C-alpha atoms as a PDB file:
ATOM      1  CA  MET A   1    -184.461  33.341 102.372  1.00  0.00           C
ATOM      2  CA  ASN A   2    -181.080  32.721 100.692  1.00  0.00           C
ATOM      3  CA  ILE A   3    -181.579  30.972  97.324  1.00  0.00           C
ATOM      4  CA  TRP A   4    -178.925  30.365  94.672  1.00  0.00           C
ATOM      5  CA  ILE A   5    -179.814  29.708  91.034  1.00  0.00           C
ATOM      6  CA  ILE A   6    -177.097  27.967  89.015  1.00  0.00           C
ATOM      7  CA  THR A   7    -176.894  27.265  85.294  1.00  0.00           C
ATOM      8  CA  THR A   8    -174.342  24.984  83.710  1.00  0.00           C
ATOM      9  CA  GLY A   9    -172.327  25.027  80.506  1.00  0.00           C
ATOM     10  CA  ASN A  10    -169.813  22.852  78.670  1.00  0.00           C
ATOM     11  CA  SER A  11    -166.887  23.413  81.028  1.00  0.00           C
ATOM     12  CA  ASP A  12    -169.067  22.935  84.119  1.00  0.00           C
ATOM     13  CA  VAL A  13    -169.409  19.158  83.625  1.00  0.00           C
ATOM     14  CA  GLN A  14    -166.245  17.113  83.198  1.00  0.00           C
ATOM     15  CA  LEU A  15    -165.229  13.464  83.498  1.00  0.00           C
ATOM     16  CA  LYS A  16    -162.972  12.346  86.347  1.00  0.00           C
ATOM     17  CA  THR A  17    -162.336   9.103  84.501  1.00  0.00           C
ATOM     18  CA  ASN A  18    -163.021   7.766  81.041  1.00  0.00           C
ATOM     19  CA  THR A  19    -163.312   4.164  82.287  1.00  0.00           C
ATOM     20  CA  ASN A  20    -167.031   3.856  81.462  1.00  0.00           C
ATOM     21  CA  TRP A  21    -167.047   6.165  78.449  1.00  0.00           C
ATOM     22  CA  SER A  22    -166.635   3.607  75.644  1.00  0.00           C
ATOM     23  CA  HIS A  23    -169.405   1.355  76.922  1.00  0.00           C
ATOM     24  CA  LEU A  24    -171.865   4.152  77.744  1.00  0.00           C
ATOM     25  CA  SER A  25    -171.242   6.147  74.573  1.00  0.00           C
ATOM     26  CA  ARG A  26    -171.842   3.047  72.408  1.00  0.00           C
ATOM     27  CA  GLN A  27    -175.224   2.633  74.104  1.00  0.00           C
ATOM     28  CA  ALA A  28    -176.130   6.260  73.339  1.00  0.00           C
ATOM     29  CA  ARG A  29    -174.581   6.463  69.868  1.00  0.00           C
ATOM     30  CA  ASN A  30    -177.916   6.535  68.033  1.00  0.00           C
ATOM     31  CA  LYS A  31    -178.897   9.601  70.102  1.00  0.00           C
ATOM     32  CA  LEU A  32    -175.648  11.281  68.981  1.00  0.00           C
ATOM     33  CA  ASP A  33    -176.349  10.921  65.256  1.00  0.00           C
ATOM     34  CA  ASN A  34    -173.895   7.982  65.273  1.00  0.00           C
ATOM     35  CA  LEU A  35    -170.961  10.349  65.826  1.00  0.00           C
ATOM     36  CA  ASP A  36    -167.996   9.083  67.832  1.00  0.00           C
ATOM     37  CA  PHE A  37    -166.900  11.425  70.614  1.00  0.00           C
ATOM     38  CA  GLN A  38    -163.692  10.803  72.532  1.00  0.00           C
ATOM     39  CA  PRO A  39    -162.884  12.535  75.826  1.00  0.00           C
ATOM     40  CA  SER A  40    -159.713  14.630  75.871  1.00  0.00           C
ATOM     41  CA  ARG A  41    -157.740  16.199  78.705  1.00  0.00           C
ATOM     42  CA  LEU A  42    -157.089  19.909  79.118  1.00  0.00           C
ATOM     43  CA  SER A  43    -153.388  19.145  79.199  1.00  0.00           C
ATOM     44  CA  THR A  44    -151.613  16.032  77.992  1.00  0.00           C
ATOM     45  CA  ALA A  45    -148.853  16.799  80.511  1.00  0.00           C
ATOM     46  CA  ASN A  46    -151.100  16.397  83.555  1.00  0.00           C
ATOM     47  CA  ALA A  47    -152.630  12.950  84.009  1.00  0.00           C
ATOM     48  CA  ASN A  48    -154.866  14.309  86.804  1.00  0.00           C
ATOM     49  CA  ASP A  49    -156.708  16.758  84.558  1.00  0.00           C
ATOM     50  CA  PRO A  50    -160.354  15.867  83.951  1.00  0.00           C
ATOM     51  CA  TYR A  51    -161.591  14.762  80.555  1.00  0.00           C
ATOM     52  CA  LEU A  52    -163.648  17.176  78.477  1.00  0.00           C
ATOM     53  CA  LEU A  53    -166.486  16.626  76.034  1.00  0.00           C
ATOM     54  CA  PRO A  54    -169.256  18.875  74.773  1.00  0.00           C
ATOM     55  CA  GLY A  55    -171.769  19.290  77.604  1.00  0.00           C
ATOM     56  CA  ARG A  56    -174.669  18.126  75.461  1.00  0.00           C
ATOM     57  CA  VAL A  57    -172.816  14.901  74.609  1.00  0.00           C
ATOM     58  CA  THR A  58    -171.966  14.217  78.257  1.00  0.00           C
ATOM     59  CA  GLY A  59    -175.595  14.846  79.211  1.00  0.00           C
ATOM     60  CA  ILE A  60    -176.927  12.443  76.608  1.00  0.00           C
ATOM     61  CA  VAL A  61    -174.488   9.682  77.549  1.00  0.00           C
ATOM     62  CA  TYR A  62    -174.733  10.032  81.345  1.00  0.00           C
ATOM     63  CA  GLY A  63    -178.306  11.360  81.639  1.00  0.00           C
ATOM     64  CA  ASN A  64    -179.901   8.024  82.542  1.00  0.00           C
ATOM     65  CA  GLN A  65    -176.856   6.483  84.226  1.00  0.00           C
ATOM     66  CA  SER A  66    -177.328   7.573  87.844  1.00  0.00           C
ATOM     67  CA  ASN A  67    -175.132   4.692  89.026  1.00  0.00           C
ATOM     68  CA  LYS A  68    -172.227   6.193  87.011  1.00  0.00           C
ATOM     69  CA  TRP A  69    -172.531   9.828  88.128  1.00  0.00           C
ATOM     70  CA  GLY A  70    -169.400   9.303  90.237  1.00  0.00           C
ATOM     71  CA  ASP A  71    -167.513   9.633  86.936  1.00  0.00           C
ATOM     72  CA  LEU A  72    -168.576  13.275  86.703  1.00  0.00           C
ATOM     73  CA  HIS A  73    -166.798  16.325  88.071  1.00  0.00           C
ATOM     74  CA  PHE A  74    -168.551  19.683  88.496  1.00  0.00           C
ATOM     75  CA  PRO A  75    -165.722  22.223  89.040  1.00  0.00           C
ATOM     76  CA  LEU A  76    -167.892  25.339  89.223  1.00  0.00           C
ATOM     77  CA  PHE A  77    -170.363  23.812  91.660  1.00  0.00           C
ATOM     78  CA  ASP A  78    -167.549  22.275  93.760  1.00  0.00           C
ATOM     79  CA  SER A  79    -165.722  25.624  94.034  1.00  0.00           C
ATOM     80  CA  LEU A  80    -168.898  27.497  94.850  1.00  0.00           C
ATOM     81  CA  SER A  81    -170.038  25.032  97.509  1.00  0.00           C
ATOM     82  CA  ASN A  82    -166.583  24.987  99.154  1.00  0.00           C
ATOM     83  CA  LYS A  83    -166.575  28.795  99.316  1.00  0.00           C
ATOM     84  CA  LEU A  84    -170.060  28.872 100.806  1.00  0.00           C
ATOM     85  CA  ILE A  85    -169.073  26.340 103.473  1.00  0.00           C
ATOM     86  CA  GLN A  86    -165.890  28.263 104.354  1.00  0.00           C
ATOM     87  CA  GLU A  87    -167.842  31.479 104.723  1.00  0.00           C
ATOM     88  CA  ASN A  88    -170.641  29.702 106.602  1.00  0.00           C
ATOM     89  CA  ASN A  89    -173.048  31.182 104.084  1.00  0.00           C
ATOM     90  CA  ILE A  90    -174.952  28.078 103.052  1.00  0.00           C
ATOM     91  CA  PRO A  91    -178.097  28.892 101.082  1.00  0.00           C
ATOM     92  CA  GLU A  92    -181.409  27.370 102.083  1.00  0.00           C
ATOM     93  CA  LYS A  93    -182.013  26.216  98.512  1.00  0.00           C
ATOM     94  CA  ILE A  94    -179.886  25.718  95.428  1.00  0.00           C
ATOM     95  CA  ILE A  95    -181.725  25.466  92.127  1.00  0.00           C
ATOM     96  CA  ILE A  96    -179.756  24.037  89.210  1.00  0.00           C
ATOM     97  CA  ILE A  97    -181.161  24.847  85.791  1.00  0.00           C
ATOM     98  CA  LEU A  98    -180.471  22.408  82.982  1.00  0.00           C
ATOM     99  CA  THR A  99    -181.997  22.992  79.580  1.00  0.00           C
ATOM    100  CA  ASP A 100    -182.393  20.848  76.511  1.00  0.00           C
ATOM    101  CA  GLN A 101    -181.489  23.139  73.629  1.00  0.00           C
ATOM    102  CA  THR A 102    -181.405  20.409  70.984  1.00  0.00           C
ATOM    103  CA  ASP A 103    -183.984  22.091  68.776  1.00  0.00           C
ATOM    104  CA  VAL A 104    -182.181  25.437  68.886  1.00  0.00           C
ATOM    105  CA  PHE A 105    -179.236  24.179  66.788  1.00  0.00           C
ATOM    106  CA  THR A 106    -178.911  22.758  63.291  1.00  0.00           C
ATOM    107  CA  SER A 107    -177.454  19.258  62.868  1.00  0.00           C
ATOM    108  CA  GLN A 108    -174.027  20.738  62.104  1.00  0.00           C
ATOM    109  CA  GLU A 109    -174.083  22.957  65.210  1.00  0.00           C
ATOM    110  CA  LYS A 110    -175.418  20.411  67.730  1.00  0.00           C
ATOM    111  CA  TYR A 111    -172.136  18.895  68.779  1.00  0.00           C
END
């Protein structure tokens, strides 16, 4: 059986658009210690670059917004799945591991 286990990090979840960010982040602000996070692009020269935020922040804001998941871009997973399809090496199962490490960090380190 061919099984892939994938973990994600900060750069593995990005925003395609920041259209819904202001509204969604205001709704989740109390869960973010009332801090204001603004998405930024990798390069200001390329308007097609995705927006970046700390992974934990993106997870908190988008975690319960399944109707907005189209805003998200998963570059690592997209590259991996395209390679598997090209090589006709599609695994029978892919397990994605997401962890809540909130209690591991101090308030200053969380975001």
